[in-house]
Amino acid sequence: MSLYLWSFGVSIASALFPLINMEVILGGMAATVGDGHAFALAVAAGAGQTVGKIVWYELTRRSFDTEWVQKRLSGPKVSQSYLRWQQRIDGRPWFGGSIMLVSSFAGIPPLLVMAAVAGALKMRMYVFLPTIFVGRTLRFWLVLAGVESLLG
């Protein structure tokens, strides 16, 4: 149980501070822990990454309510562009969700950036949360399963 809690906690830290590479940590864990833990560790790490990305989402979302940002958005060109992107994300949840899923699984575009963009555009949480969780969990499971299969 403590192994899963440790994985959860470290993955929150890695979501907040990108210099902590969760894939490398999970690869090391897979090499030392043994068989049978890959999926459960991936779920714990995926959940932790999701929690960490919520922090980036909320920080960005709340920053858009500040007077300084509102002043920057007040120009007609910037305002129109922002509203257009917000309508794309809000009006077509599959569009935004698929971008977030690809980002969370493949890391392109970087998930930290996409979590901030999602917060700025006020993406719905019912789209944001599951796509991050599923994408990260699948990514981590592939890392863990790959290391386990390489080590036999």
N, C-alpha and C. Protein backbone atom coordinates (compact mmCIF):
# COMPACT_ATOMS: atom_id res chain seq x y z
N MET A 1 0.82 -1.20 0.00
CA MET A 1 0.00 0.00 0.00
C MET A 1 0.87 1.26 0.00
N SER A 2 1.94 1.25 0.80
CA SER A 2 2.80 2.43 0.86
C SER A 2 3.48 2.70 -0.47
N LEU A 3 3.72 1.65 -1.25
CA LEU A 3 4.31 1.81 -2.58
C LEU A 3 3.39 2.63 -3.48
N TYR A 4 2.10 2.37 -3.41
CA TYR A 4 1.13 3.09 -4.23
C TYR A 4 0.96 4.53 -3.75
N LEU A 5 0.96 4.73 -2.44
CA LEU A 5 0.87 6.09 -1.90
C LEU A 5 2.11 6.90 -2.26
N TRP A 6 3.27 6.26 -2.21
CA TRP A 6 4.51 6.93 -2.60
C TRP A 6 4.45 7.32 -4.07
N SER A 7 3.99 6.40 -4.91
CA SER A 7 3.86 6.68 -6.34
C SER A 7 2.88 7.84 -6.57
N PHE A 8 1.79 7.84 -5.85
CA PHE A 8 0.80 8.92 -5.96
C PHE A 8 1.41 10.26 -5.58
N GLY A 9 2.10 10.30 -4.45
CA GLY A 9 2.69 11.54 -3.97
C GLY A 9 3.79 12.07 -4.87
N VAL A 10 4.67 11.19 -5.31
CA VAL A 10 5.76 11.62 -6.19
C VAL A 10 5.20 12.09 -7.53
N SER A 11 4.14 11.46 -8.00
CA SER A 11 3.57 11.88 -9.29
C SER A 11 2.90 13.25 -9.18
N ILE A 12 2.37 13.59 -8.01
CA ILE A 12 1.86 14.96 -7.81
C ILE A 12 3.01 15.95 -7.93
N ALA A 13 4.11 15.63 -7.25
CA ALA A 13 5.29 16.51 -7.32
C ALA A 13 5.80 16.64 -8.75
N SER A 14 5.81 15.54 -9.49
CA SER A 14 6.32 15.59 -10.87
C SER A 14 5.37 16.37 -11.78
N ALA A 15 4.09 16.39 -11.45
CA ALA A 15 3.14 17.18 -12.24
C ALA A 15 3.33 18.68 -11.98
N LEU A 16 3.73 19.00 -10.77
CA LEU A 16 3.93 20.40 -10.41
C LEU A 16 5.31 20.91 -10.84
N PHE A 17 6.30 20.06 -10.76
CA PHE A 17 7.68 20.42 -11.09
C PHE A 17 8.19 19.49 -12.19
N PRO A 18 8.18 19.93 -13.43
CA PRO A 18 8.50 19.05 -14.57
C PRO A 18 9.91 18.47 -14.56
N LEU A 19 10.80 18.99 -13.73
CA LEU A 19 12.15 18.42 -13.68
C LEU A 19 12.17 17.05 -13.00
N ILE A 20 11.11 16.72 -12.29
CA ILE A 20 10.97 15.38 -11.70
C ILE A 20 10.33 14.50 -12.77
N ASN A 21 11.09 13.55 -13.29
CA ASN A 21 10.62 12.73 -14.40
C ASN A 21 9.96 11.45 -13.86
N MET A 22 8.65 11.42 -13.92
CA MET A 22 7.90 10.28 -13.38
C MET A 22 8.16 9.00 -14.15
N GLU A 23 8.37 9.09 -15.45
CA GLU A 23 8.62 7.89 -16.25
C GLU A 23 9.90 7.19 -15.79
N VAL A 24 10.95 7.96 -15.51
CA VAL A 24 12.20 7.38 -15.03
C VAL A 24 12.00 6.75 -13.66
N ILE A 25 11.28 7.43 -12.79
CA ILE A 25 11.01 6.90 -11.45
C ILE A 25 10.22 5.60 -11.55
N LEU A 26 9.19 5.58 -12.39
CA LEU A 26 8.38 4.36 -12.54
C LEU A 26 9.20 3.23 -13.17
N GLY A 27 10.08 3.58 -14.10
CA GLY A 27 10.95 2.56 -14.69
C GLY A 27 11.84 1.91 -13.64
N GLY A 28 12.37 2.73 -12.75
CA GLY A 28 13.17 2.20 -11.65
C GLY A 28 12.34 1.35 -10.70
N MET A 29 11.13 1.79 -10.46
CA MET A 29 10.25 1.01 -9.58
C MET A 29 9.92 -0.33 -10.21
N ALA A 30 9.66 -0.34 -11.51
CA ALA A 30 9.33 -1.59 -12.19
C ALA A 30 10.50 -2.55 -12.14
N ALA A 31 11.72 -2.02 -12.21
CA ALA A 31 12.90 -2.86 -12.18
C ALA A 31 13.13 -3.48 -10.81
N THR A 32 12.68 -2.82 -9.75
CA THR A 32 12.94 -3.32 -8.40
C THR A 32 11.75 -4.01 -7.74
N VAL A 33 10.55 -3.66 -8.12
CA VAL A 33 9.37 -4.17 -7.43
C VAL A 33 8.98 -5.56 -7.90
N GLY A 34 9.07 -5.80 -9.19
CA GLY A 34 8.68 -7.10 -9.72
C GLY A 34 7.33 -7.07 -10.40
N ASP A 35 6.89 -8.25 -10.81
CA ASP A 35 5.66 -8.38 -11.59
C ASP A 35 4.41 -8.14 -10.74
N GLY A 36 3.34 -7.81 -11.44
CA GLY A 36 2.04 -7.73 -10.82
C GLY A 36 1.64 -6.37 -10.28
N HIS A 37 2.54 -5.41 -10.32
CA HIS A 37 2.22 -4.10 -9.77
C HIS A 37 2.04 -3.03 -10.84
N ALA A 38 2.26 -3.36 -12.08
CA ALA A 38 2.30 -2.34 -13.14
C ALA A 38 1.01 -1.55 -13.23
N PHE A 39 -0.12 -2.21 -13.33
CA PHE A 39 -1.37 -1.49 -13.53
C PHE A 39 -1.73 -0.65 -12.30
N ALA A 40 -1.61 -1.21 -11.11
CA ALA A 40 -1.95 -0.47 -9.89
C ALA A 40 -1.03 0.73 -9.71
N LEU A 41 0.26 0.58 -9.99
CA LEU A 41 1.18 1.71 -9.91
C LEU A 41 0.85 2.78 -10.94
N ALA A 42 0.47 2.33 -12.13
CA ALA A 42 0.09 3.28 -13.18
C ALA A 42 -1.15 4.07 -12.79
N VAL A 43 -2.12 3.42 -12.18
CA VAL A 43 -3.32 4.11 -11.72
C VAL A 43 -2.98 5.12 -10.63
N ALA A 44 -2.14 4.72 -9.68
CA ALA A 44 -1.75 5.64 -8.61
C ALA A 44 -1.00 6.84 -9.18
N ALA A 45 -0.07 6.60 -10.09
CA ALA A 45 0.69 7.68 -10.70
C ALA A 45 -0.20 8.55 -11.59
N GLY A 46 -1.11 7.94 -12.32
CA GLY A 46 -2.05 8.71 -13.15
C GLY A 46 -2.94 9.60 -12.31
N ALA A 47 -3.39 9.09 -11.18
CA ALA A 47 -4.23 9.89 -10.28
C ALA A 47 -3.42 11.06 -9.70
N GLY A 48 -2.19 10.79 -9.32
CA GLY A 48 -1.34 11.86 -8.78
C GLY A 48 -1.06 12.93 -9.81
N GLN A 49 -0.77 12.53 -11.04
CA GLN A 49 -0.53 13.51 -12.09
C GLN A 49 -1.78 14.35 -12.34
N THR A 50 -2.94 13.73 -12.28
CA THR A 50 -4.19 14.45 -12.48
C THR A 50 -4.37 15.51 -11.40
N VAL A 51 -4.10 15.15 -10.15
CA VAL A 51 -4.20 16.11 -9.05
C VAL A 51 -3.24 17.27 -9.27
N GLY A 52 -2.01 16.96 -9.67
CA GLY A 52 -1.03 18.01 -9.92
C GLY A 52 -1.43 18.94 -11.05
N LYS A 53 -1.99 18.39 -12.09
CA LYS A 53 -2.40 19.23 -13.22
C LYS A 53 -3.62 20.08 -12.88
N ILE A 54 -4.44 19.63 -11.94
CA ILE A 54 -5.56 20.45 -11.47
C ILE A 54 -5.02 21.74 -10.86
N VAL A 55 -3.90 21.64 -10.16
CA VAL A 55 -3.30 22.84 -9.56
C VAL A 55 -2.93 23.85 -10.64
N TRP A 56 -2.27 23.40 -11.73
CA TRP A 56 -1.91 24.29 -12.83
C TRP A 56 -3.16 24.87 -13.49
N TYR A 57 -4.16 24.03 -13.69
CA TYR A 57 -5.43 24.45 -14.28
C TYR A 57 -6.04 25.58 -13.45
N GLU A 58 -6.16 25.35 -12.15
CA GLU A 58 -6.81 26.33 -11.26
C GLU A 58 -6.01 27.62 -11.14
N LEU A 59 -4.69 27.51 -11.05
CA LEU A 59 -3.87 28.72 -10.98
C LEU A 59 -4.08 29.60 -12.21
N THR A 60 -4.08 28.97 -13.37
CA THR A 60 -4.28 29.73 -14.60
C THR A 60 -5.69 30.28 -14.69
N ARG A 61 -6.68 29.45 -14.37
CA ARG A 61 -8.08 29.89 -14.43
C ARG A 61 -8.31 31.10 -13.54
N ARG A 62 -7.77 31.03 -12.34
CA ARG A 62 -7.97 32.14 -11.39
C ARG A 62 -7.18 33.38 -11.80
N SER A 63 -6.05 33.18 -12.45
CA SER A 63 -5.27 34.35 -12.88
C SER A 63 -6.01 35.14 -13.96
N PHE A 64 -6.88 34.48 -14.70
CA PHE A 64 -7.64 35.17 -15.74
C PHE A 64 -8.72 36.08 -15.17
N ASP A 65 -8.98 35.96 -13.89
CA ASP A 65 -9.94 36.84 -13.24
C ASP A 65 -9.28 38.09 -12.67
N THR A 66 -7.96 38.19 -12.74
CA THR A 66 -7.26 39.35 -12.19
C THR A 66 -7.42 40.55 -13.12
N GLU A 67 -7.29 41.70 -12.52
CA GLU A 67 -7.43 42.95 -13.27
C GLU A 67 -6.35 43.06 -14.36
N TRP A 68 -5.13 42.64 -14.04
CA TRP A 68 -4.02 42.74 -14.98
C TRP A 68 -4.30 41.93 -16.26
N VAL A 69 -4.75 40.69 -16.09
CA VAL A 69 -5.05 39.85 -17.26
C VAL A 69 -6.26 40.38 -18.01
N GLN A 70 -7.26 40.82 -17.31
CA GLN A 70 -8.44 41.36 -17.97
C GLN A 70 -8.10 42.58 -18.81
N LYS A 71 -7.17 43.36 -18.32
CA LYS A 71 -6.72 44.53 -19.09
C LYS A 71 -6.04 44.07 -20.38
N ARG A 72 -5.24 43.02 -20.31
CA ARG A 72 -4.55 42.49 -21.49
C ARG A 72 -5.53 41.88 -22.50
N LEU A 73 -6.63 41.33 -22.00
CA LEU A 73 -7.64 40.72 -22.86
C LEU A 73 -8.63 41.73 -23.42
N SER A 74 -8.54 42.96 -23.00
CA SER A 74 -9.56 43.93 -23.38
C SER A 74 -9.43 44.43 -24.81
N GLY A 75 -8.28 44.22 -25.44
CA GLY A 75 -8.13 44.64 -26.83
C GLY A 75 -9.05 43.83 -27.73
N PRO A 76 -9.60 44.43 -28.78
CA PRO A 76 -10.58 43.72 -29.61
C PRO A 76 -10.01 42.47 -30.29
N LYS A 77 -8.79 42.53 -30.77
CA LYS A 77 -8.21 41.38 -31.47
C LYS A 77 -7.95 40.22 -30.50
N VAL A 78 -7.36 40.54 -29.37
CA VAL A 78 -7.06 39.52 -28.36
C VAL A 78 -8.35 38.96 -27.79
N SER A 79 -9.30 39.82 -27.52
CA SER A 79 -10.58 39.40 -26.97
C SER A 79 -11.32 38.46 -27.92
N GLN A 80 -11.33 38.80 -29.19
CA GLN A 80 -12.01 37.94 -30.18
C GLN A 80 -11.35 36.58 -30.28
N SER A 81 -10.02 36.57 -30.31
CA SER A 81 -9.28 35.31 -30.40
C SER A 81 -9.54 34.44 -29.18
N TYR A 82 -9.51 35.03 -27.99
CA TYR A 82 -9.77 34.30 -26.76
C TYR A 82 -11.18 33.72 -26.76
N LEU A 83 -12.16 34.53 -27.11
CA LEU A 83 -13.55 34.05 -27.14
C LEU A 83 -13.74 32.94 -28.17
N ARG A 84 -13.09 33.06 -29.31
CA ARG A 84 -13.20 32.02 -30.34
C ARG A 84 -12.67 30.68 -29.82
N TRP A 85 -11.50 30.71 -29.17
CA TRP A 85 -10.94 29.47 -28.63
C TRP A 85 -11.77 28.94 -27.47
N GLN A 86 -12.29 29.81 -26.66
CA GLN A 86 -13.13 29.36 -25.54
C GLN A 86 -14.41 28.69 -26.06
N GLN A 87 -14.99 29.23 -27.13
CA GLN A 87 -16.19 28.62 -27.72
C GLN A 87 -15.86 27.27 -28.36
N ARG A 88 -14.69 27.15 -28.97
CA ARG A 88 -14.28 25.86 -29.55
C ARG A 88 -14.18 24.79 -28.47
N ILE A 89 -13.57 25.15 -27.37
CA ILE A 89 -13.38 24.19 -26.28
C ILE A 89 -14.70 23.89 -25.59
N ASP A 90 -15.49 24.91 -25.32
CA ASP A 90 -16.75 24.73 -24.61
C ASP A 90 -17.83 24.11 -25.49
N GLY A 91 -17.88 24.53 -26.73
CA GLY A 91 -18.94 24.06 -27.62
C GLY A 91 -18.71 22.67 -28.20
N ARG A 92 -17.44 22.25 -28.22
CA ARG A 92 -17.10 20.93 -28.74
C ARG A 92 -16.19 20.21 -27.76
N PRO A 93 -16.78 19.61 -26.73
CA PRO A 93 -15.95 18.97 -25.71
C PRO A 93 -15.07 17.85 -26.26
N TRP A 94 -15.51 17.19 -27.32
CA TRP A 94 -14.68 16.12 -27.90
C TRP A 94 -13.40 16.69 -28.52
N PHE A 95 -13.48 17.89 -29.04
CA PHE A 95 -12.30 18.55 -29.61
C PHE A 95 -11.25 18.81 -28.53
N GLY A 96 -11.66 19.50 -27.49
CA GLY A 96 -10.74 19.79 -26.40
C GLY A 96 -10.29 18.54 -25.67
N GLY A 97 -11.21 17.61 -25.48
CA GLY A 97 -10.88 16.37 -24.80
C GLY A 97 -9.87 15.53 -25.56
N SER A 98 -10.01 15.49 -26.87
CA SER A 98 -9.05 14.70 -27.66
C SER A 98 -7.67 15.34 -27.64
N ILE A 99 -7.61 16.66 -27.66
CA ILE A 99 -6.31 17.34 -27.55
C ILE A 99 -5.68 17.04 -26.19
N MET A 100 -6.46 17.09 -25.13
CA MET A 100 -5.93 16.81 -23.80
C MET A 100 -5.51 15.35 -23.66
N LEU A 101 -6.26 14.44 -24.27
CA LEU A 101 -5.91 13.02 -24.19
C LEU A 101 -4.58 12.76 -24.90
N VAL A 102 -4.41 13.32 -26.08
CA VAL A 102 -3.15 13.15 -26.81
C VAL A 102 -2.00 13.76 -26.01
N SER A 103 -2.22 14.94 -25.49
CA SER A 103 -1.18 15.60 -24.70
C SER A 103 -0.82 14.79 -23.45
N SER A 104 -1.81 14.26 -22.78
CA SER A 104 -1.53 13.51 -21.55
C SER A 104 -0.90 12.15 -21.84
N PHE A 105 -1.18 11.57 -22.98
CA PHE A 105 -0.59 10.28 -23.32
C PHE A 105 0.77 10.44 -23.99
N ALA A 106 0.86 11.31 -25.00
CA ALA A 106 2.08 11.42 -25.79
C ALA A 106 3.01 12.53 -25.30
N GLY A 107 2.48 13.48 -24.57
CA GLY A 107 3.31 14.59 -24.11
C GLY A 107 3.53 15.66 -25.15
N ILE A 108 2.79 15.59 -26.24
CA ILE A 108 2.89 16.60 -27.30
C ILE A 108 1.48 17.11 -27.58
N PRO A 109 1.22 18.37 -27.41
CA PRO A 109 2.02 19.39 -26.75
C PRO A 109 2.19 19.06 -25.27
N PRO A 110 3.19 19.66 -24.62
CA PRO A 110 3.46 19.34 -23.21
C PRO A 110 2.22 19.51 -22.34
N LEU A 111 1.99 18.53 -21.48
CA LEU A 111 0.78 18.52 -20.66
C LEU A 111 0.73 19.70 -19.69
N LEU A 112 1.85 20.13 -19.18
CA LEU A 112 1.85 21.29 -18.28
C LEU A 112 1.28 22.51 -18.99
N VAL A 113 1.72 22.72 -20.22
CA VAL A 113 1.22 23.85 -21.01
C VAL A 113 -0.27 23.68 -21.29
N MET A 114 -0.66 22.48 -21.67
CA MET A 114 -2.07 22.23 -22.00
C MET A 114 -2.98 22.35 -20.77
N ALA A 115 -2.48 21.98 -19.60
CA ALA A 115 -3.29 22.15 -18.38
C ALA A 115 -3.51 23.64 -18.12
N ALA A 116 -2.48 24.44 -18.35
CA ALA A 116 -2.63 25.89 -18.18
C ALA A 116 -3.59 26.47 -19.22
N VAL A 117 -3.47 26.01 -20.46
CA VAL A 117 -4.37 26.47 -21.52
C VAL A 117 -5.81 26.08 -21.20
N ALA A 118 -5.99 24.86 -20.71
CA ALA A 118 -7.34 24.42 -20.34
C ALA A 118 -7.93 25.29 -19.24
N GLY A 119 -7.09 25.68 -18.29
CA GLY A 119 -7.55 26.58 -17.24
C GLY A 119 -7.89 27.95 -17.78
N ALA A 120 -7.05 28.45 -18.68
CA ALA A 120 -7.29 29.77 -19.27
C ALA A 120 -8.59 29.79 -20.07
N LEU A 121 -8.87 28.69 -20.76
CA LEU A 121 -10.08 28.62 -21.58
C LEU A 121 -11.28 28.09 -20.80
N LYS A 122 -11.05 27.78 -19.53
CA LYS A 122 -12.11 27.29 -18.64
C LYS A 122 -12.77 26.03 -19.17
N MET A 123 -11.91 25.08 -19.59
CA MET A 123 -12.41 23.78 -20.04
C MET A 123 -13.21 23.14 -18.91
N ARG A 124 -14.26 22.47 -19.25
CA ARG A 124 -15.11 21.81 -18.25
C ARG A 124 -14.33 20.71 -17.54
N MET A 125 -14.50 20.62 -16.24
CA MET A 125 -13.79 19.61 -15.45
C MET A 125 -14.18 18.19 -15.86
N TYR A 126 -15.42 17.99 -16.30
CA TYR A 126 -15.83 16.65 -16.70
C TYR A 126 -15.14 16.20 -17.98
N VAL A 127 -14.52 17.11 -18.69
CA VAL A 127 -13.69 16.77 -19.84
C VAL A 127 -12.23 16.69 -19.42
N PHE A 128 -11.79 17.66 -18.65
CA PHE A 128 -10.38 17.77 -18.25
C PHE A 128 -9.92 16.57 -17.42
N LEU A 129 -10.62 16.25 -16.35
CA LEU A 129 -10.18 15.22 -15.41
C LEU A 129 -10.03 13.83 -16.03
N PRO A 130 -11.06 13.30 -16.68
CA PRO A 130 -10.90 11.94 -17.19
C PRO A 130 -9.86 11.81 -18.31
N THR A 131 -9.73 12.84 -19.13
CA THR A 131 -8.75 12.72 -20.21
C THR A 131 -7.33 12.72 -19.66
N ILE A 132 -7.07 13.54 -18.66
CA ILE A 132 -5.74 13.55 -18.04
C ILE A 132 -5.49 12.21 -17.35
N PHE A 133 -6.44 11.76 -16.57
CA PHE A 133 -6.27 10.51 -15.82
C PHE A 133 -6.05 9.32 -16.75
N VAL A 134 -6.88 9.18 -17.76
CA VAL A 134 -6.76 8.04 -18.68
C VAL A 134 -5.45 8.11 -19.47
N GLY A 135 -5.14 9.27 -20.01
CA GLY A 135 -3.91 9.41 -20.80
C GLY A 135 -2.67 9.14 -19.99
N ARG A 136 -2.58 9.70 -18.80
CA ARG A 136 -1.41 9.49 -17.94
C ARG A 136 -1.32 8.05 -17.47
N THR A 137 -2.45 7.46 -17.08
CA THR A 137 -2.44 6.07 -16.61
C THR A 137 -1.96 5.14 -17.71
N LEU A 138 -2.47 5.32 -18.93
CA LEU A 138 -2.02 4.47 -20.04
C LEU A 138 -0.54 4.66 -20.33
N ARG A 139 -0.09 5.90 -20.32
CA ARG A 139 1.33 6.18 -20.55
C ARG A 139 2.20 5.48 -19.51
N PHE A 140 1.84 5.63 -18.24
CA PHE A 140 2.63 5.04 -17.17
C PHE A 140 2.56 3.52 -17.19
N TRP A 141 1.41 2.97 -17.53
CA TRP A 141 1.28 1.52 -17.62
C TRP A 141 2.20 0.98 -18.72
N LEU A 142 2.27 1.67 -19.86
CA LEU A 142 3.17 1.23 -20.92
C LEU A 142 4.63 1.29 -20.48
N VAL A 143 5.00 2.31 -19.75
CA VAL A 143 6.37 2.40 -19.23
C VAL A 143 6.65 1.23 -18.29
N LEU A 144 5.77 1.03 -17.35
CA LEU A 144 5.96 -0.06 -16.37
C LEU A 144 5.96 -1.43 -17.03
N ALA A 145 4.99 -1.67 -17.90
CA ALA A 145 4.92 -2.97 -18.58
C ALA A 145 6.12 -3.18 -19.49
N GLY A 146 6.58 -2.11 -20.13
CA GLY A 146 7.76 -2.22 -20.99
C GLY A 146 9.01 -2.61 -20.22
N VAL A 147 9.23 -1.96 -19.10
CA VAL A 147 10.40 -2.29 -18.27
C VAL A 147 10.28 -3.69 -17.74
N GLU A 148 9.11 -4.07 -17.27
CA GLU A 148 8.91 -5.43 -16.76
C GLU A 148 9.17 -6.47 -17.83
N SER A 149 8.72 -6.22 -19.05
CA SER A 149 8.93 -7.21 -20.12
C SER A 149 10.39 -7.26 -20.55
N LEU A 150 11.09 -6.12 -20.50
CA LEU A 150 12.52 -6.12 -20.84
C LEU A 150 13.34 -6.90 -19.80
N LEU A 151 12.93 -6.82 -18.56
CA LEU A 151 13.67 -7.51 -17.50
C LEU A 151 13.24 -8.96 -17.33
N GLY A 152 12.15 -9.32 -18.02
CA GLY A 152 11.69 -10.71 -18.00
C GLY A 152 11.10 -11.10 -16.71
